[in-house]
N, C-alpha and C. Protein backbone atom coordinates (compact mmCIF):
# COMPACT_ATOMS: atom_id res chain seq x y z
N MET A 1 34.29 2.90 14.02
CA MET A 1 33.16 2.79 13.11
C MET A 1 31.83 2.47 13.77
N PRO A 2 31.77 2.26 15.07
CA PRO A 2 30.47 2.01 15.68
C PRO A 2 29.51 3.17 15.52
N GLU A 3 30.02 4.40 15.44
CA GLU A 3 29.17 5.56 15.26
C GLU A 3 28.45 5.50 13.90
N ALA A 4 29.16 5.08 12.87
CA ALA A 4 28.55 4.96 11.54
C ALA A 4 27.47 3.88 11.54
N ASP A 5 27.73 2.77 12.25
CA ASP A 5 26.72 1.70 12.34
C ASP A 5 25.48 2.19 13.06
N LEU A 6 25.67 2.97 14.12
CA LEU A 6 24.54 3.51 14.86
C LEU A 6 23.73 4.47 14.00
N LEU A 7 24.42 5.29 13.21
CA LEU A 7 23.74 6.23 12.32
C LEU A 7 22.90 5.48 11.29
N CYS A 8 23.48 4.44 10.72
CA CYS A 8 22.73 3.63 9.73
C CYS A 8 21.52 2.96 10.38
N LEU A 9 21.72 2.45 11.59
CA LEU A 9 20.63 1.78 12.30
C LEU A 9 19.50 2.77 12.59
N CYS A 10 19.86 3.97 13.04
CA CYS A 10 18.84 4.99 13.34
C CYS A 10 18.11 5.41 12.07
N ARG A 11 18.84 5.62 10.99
CA ARG A 11 18.22 6.01 9.72
C ARG A 11 17.27 4.93 9.22
N ASP A 12 17.71 3.69 9.28
CA ASP A 12 16.87 2.59 8.82
C ASP A 12 15.62 2.44 9.68
N THR A 13 15.76 2.61 10.98
CA THR A 13 14.62 2.51 11.89
C THR A 13 13.62 3.62 11.63
N LEU A 14 14.10 4.84 11.48
CA LEU A 14 13.20 5.96 11.19
C LEU A 14 12.50 5.79 9.86
N SER A 15 13.21 5.28 8.87
CA SER A 15 12.60 5.04 7.56
C SER A 15 11.49 4.00 7.66
N ARG A 16 11.75 2.93 8.40
CA ARG A 16 10.74 1.88 8.57
C ARG A 16 9.53 2.41 9.34
N TRP A 17 9.76 3.20 10.38
CA TRP A 17 8.65 3.79 11.13
C TRP A 17 7.81 4.70 10.24
N GLY A 18 8.48 5.47 9.39
CA GLY A 18 7.76 6.35 8.48
C GLY A 18 6.88 5.58 7.52
N LYS A 19 7.41 4.50 6.96
CA LYS A 19 6.63 3.67 6.04
C LYS A 19 5.46 3.02 6.77
N ASP A 20 5.70 2.55 7.99
CA ASP A 20 4.63 1.94 8.77
C ASP A 20 3.55 2.95 9.12
N ALA A 21 3.95 4.17 9.46
CA ALA A 21 2.97 5.23 9.79
C ALA A 21 2.14 5.57 8.56
N ARG A 22 2.78 5.65 7.41
CA ARG A 22 2.05 5.96 6.18
C ARG A 22 1.06 4.85 5.85
N ARG A 23 1.50 3.61 5.98
CA ARG A 23 0.62 2.47 5.70
C ARG A 23 -0.57 2.46 6.66
N THR A 24 -0.31 2.71 7.94
CA THR A 24 -1.38 2.74 8.93
C THR A 24 -2.38 3.85 8.62
N ALA A 25 -1.88 5.03 8.30
CA ALA A 25 -2.77 6.15 7.98
C ALA A 25 -3.61 5.84 6.74
N SER A 26 -3.01 5.24 5.74
CA SER A 26 -3.75 4.88 4.53
C SER A 26 -4.85 3.88 4.83
N LEU A 27 -4.54 2.88 5.63
CA LEU A 27 -5.54 1.88 5.98
C LEU A 27 -6.65 2.49 6.82
N MET A 28 -6.33 3.47 7.66
CA MET A 28 -7.34 4.10 8.50
C MET A 28 -8.36 4.88 7.67
N ILE A 29 -7.94 5.40 6.52
CA ILE A 29 -8.88 6.14 5.68
C ILE A 29 -9.44 5.29 4.55
N GLY A 30 -9.12 4.01 4.57
CA GLY A 30 -9.72 3.09 3.61
C GLY A 30 -8.95 2.86 2.34
N GLN A 31 -7.68 3.26 2.31
CA GLN A 31 -6.86 3.01 1.13
C GLN A 31 -6.06 1.73 1.33
N PRO A 32 -6.23 0.74 0.48
CA PRO A 32 -5.49 -0.50 0.62
C PRO A 32 -4.02 -0.31 0.28
N ASP A 33 -3.21 -1.28 0.64
CA ASP A 33 -1.76 -1.22 0.46
C ASP A 33 -1.39 -1.72 -0.94
N TYR A 34 -0.82 -0.84 -1.75
CA TYR A 34 -0.46 -1.18 -3.14
C TYR A 34 0.65 -2.23 -3.18
N ASP A 35 1.64 -2.11 -2.29
CA ASP A 35 2.74 -3.08 -2.28
C ASP A 35 2.24 -4.49 -1.94
N ALA A 36 1.28 -4.57 -1.00
CA ALA A 36 0.70 -5.87 -0.67
C ALA A 36 -0.07 -6.42 -1.87
N TYR A 37 -0.77 -5.54 -2.59
CA TYR A 37 -1.48 -5.95 -3.80
C TYR A 37 -0.51 -6.52 -4.83
N LEU A 38 0.62 -5.83 -5.04
CA LEU A 38 1.61 -6.32 -6.01
C LEU A 38 2.14 -7.69 -5.63
N ALA A 39 2.46 -7.87 -4.35
CA ALA A 39 2.96 -9.17 -3.89
C ALA A 39 1.91 -10.25 -4.10
N HIS A 40 0.66 -9.95 -3.77
CA HIS A 40 -0.43 -10.92 -3.98
C HIS A 40 -0.60 -11.22 -5.47
N SER A 41 -0.56 -10.18 -6.28
CA SER A 41 -0.76 -10.35 -7.72
C SER A 41 0.33 -11.24 -8.33
N ARG A 42 1.56 -11.00 -7.94
CA ARG A 42 2.67 -11.81 -8.47
C ARG A 42 2.57 -13.26 -8.02
N ALA A 43 2.16 -13.47 -6.77
CA ALA A 43 2.09 -14.83 -6.23
C ALA A 43 0.88 -15.59 -6.75
N THR A 44 -0.24 -14.92 -6.89
CA THR A 44 -1.50 -15.59 -7.22
C THR A 44 -1.84 -15.57 -8.70
N HIS A 45 -1.47 -14.48 -9.37
CA HIS A 45 -1.83 -14.31 -10.78
C HIS A 45 -0.59 -13.94 -11.61
N PRO A 46 0.40 -14.83 -11.69
CA PRO A 46 1.64 -14.46 -12.39
C PRO A 46 1.45 -14.24 -13.90
N ASP A 47 0.36 -14.76 -14.46
CA ASP A 47 0.11 -14.62 -15.89
C ASP A 47 -0.57 -13.30 -16.24
N GLN A 48 -1.01 -12.53 -15.24
CA GLN A 48 -1.72 -11.27 -15.50
C GLN A 48 -0.85 -10.07 -15.12
N GLN A 49 -0.98 -9.02 -15.89
CA GLN A 49 -0.27 -7.77 -15.61
C GLN A 49 -0.99 -7.06 -14.46
N PRO A 50 -0.29 -6.71 -13.38
CA PRO A 50 -0.97 -5.99 -12.29
C PRO A 50 -1.33 -4.57 -12.71
N LEU A 51 -2.34 -4.01 -12.03
CA LEU A 51 -2.74 -2.63 -12.29
C LEU A 51 -1.62 -1.68 -11.87
N ASP A 52 -1.52 -0.56 -12.57
CA ASP A 52 -0.56 0.44 -12.10
C ASP A 52 -1.16 1.12 -10.87
N ARG A 53 -0.35 1.90 -10.16
CA ARG A 53 -0.76 2.51 -8.90
C ARG A 53 -2.04 3.36 -9.06
N THR A 54 -2.11 4.16 -10.11
CA THR A 54 -3.26 5.03 -10.32
C THR A 54 -4.53 4.22 -10.56
N ALA A 55 -4.46 3.23 -11.43
CA ALA A 55 -5.63 2.39 -11.71
C ALA A 55 -6.07 1.62 -10.48
N PHE A 56 -5.11 1.15 -9.69
CA PHE A 56 -5.42 0.42 -8.45
C PHE A 56 -6.22 1.30 -7.49
N PHE A 57 -5.75 2.52 -7.26
CA PHE A 57 -6.46 3.40 -6.33
C PHE A 57 -7.80 3.85 -6.88
N ARG A 58 -7.91 4.07 -8.18
CA ARG A 58 -9.21 4.42 -8.77
C ARG A 58 -10.21 3.29 -8.61
N LEU A 59 -9.76 2.07 -8.82
CA LEU A 59 -10.64 0.91 -8.66
C LEU A 59 -11.15 0.82 -7.23
N HIS A 60 -10.25 0.99 -6.26
CA HIS A 60 -10.67 0.87 -4.87
C HIS A 60 -11.52 2.05 -4.41
N GLU A 61 -11.27 3.22 -4.95
CA GLU A 61 -12.15 4.37 -4.64
C GLU A 61 -13.54 4.11 -5.22
N ALA A 62 -13.61 3.58 -6.42
CA ALA A 62 -14.90 3.28 -7.04
C ALA A 62 -15.65 2.23 -6.22
N ARG A 63 -14.95 1.22 -5.76
CA ARG A 63 -15.59 0.19 -4.93
C ARG A 63 -16.04 0.78 -3.59
N ARG A 64 -15.21 1.62 -3.03
CA ARG A 64 -15.50 2.19 -1.72
C ARG A 64 -16.73 3.10 -1.75
N PHE A 65 -16.85 3.89 -2.80
CA PHE A 65 -17.93 4.87 -2.86
C PHE A 65 -19.08 4.44 -3.75
N GLY A 66 -19.09 3.17 -4.18
CA GLY A 66 -20.24 2.63 -4.90
C GLY A 66 -20.39 3.14 -6.30
N ALA A 67 -19.34 3.16 -7.08
CA ALA A 67 -19.44 3.59 -8.48
C ALA A 67 -20.39 2.68 -9.24
N GLY A 68 -21.04 3.20 -10.23
CA GLY A 68 -21.98 2.42 -11.00
C GLY A 68 -23.39 2.51 -10.44
N GLY A 69 -23.59 3.47 -9.56
CA GLY A 69 -24.92 3.68 -9.01
C GLY A 69 -25.12 2.97 -7.68
N GLY A 70 -25.70 3.68 -6.76
CA GLY A 70 -26.06 3.10 -5.47
C GLY A 70 -24.87 2.82 -4.58
N PHE A 71 -25.16 2.68 -3.32
CA PHE A 71 -24.13 2.38 -2.31
C PHE A 71 -23.85 0.89 -2.30
N LYS A 72 -22.58 0.54 -2.19
CA LYS A 72 -22.20 -0.87 -2.07
C LYS A 72 -21.39 -1.04 -0.80
N CYS A 73 -21.71 -2.04 -0.08
CA CYS A 73 -21.01 -2.31 1.19
C CYS A 73 -19.65 -2.92 0.92
N CYS A 74 -19.57 -3.87 0.02
CA CYS A 74 -18.31 -4.60 -0.21
C CYS A 74 -17.96 -4.63 -1.68
């Protein structure tokens, strides 16, 4: 059964690398991490419903590109 363990280990490692690569690419283009947001929201604001994925990304795109008129740095 060591072959099966090695296969599982390789699959898990590749899956983790893929997730890390996706997260890195998203951060490089200015997209924040939704899973990190959910963890923060649950820990810090347990009484509030977190934004769904679509609303979260729309909010951050609006902040990034200065929605509401004019450029905003932060």
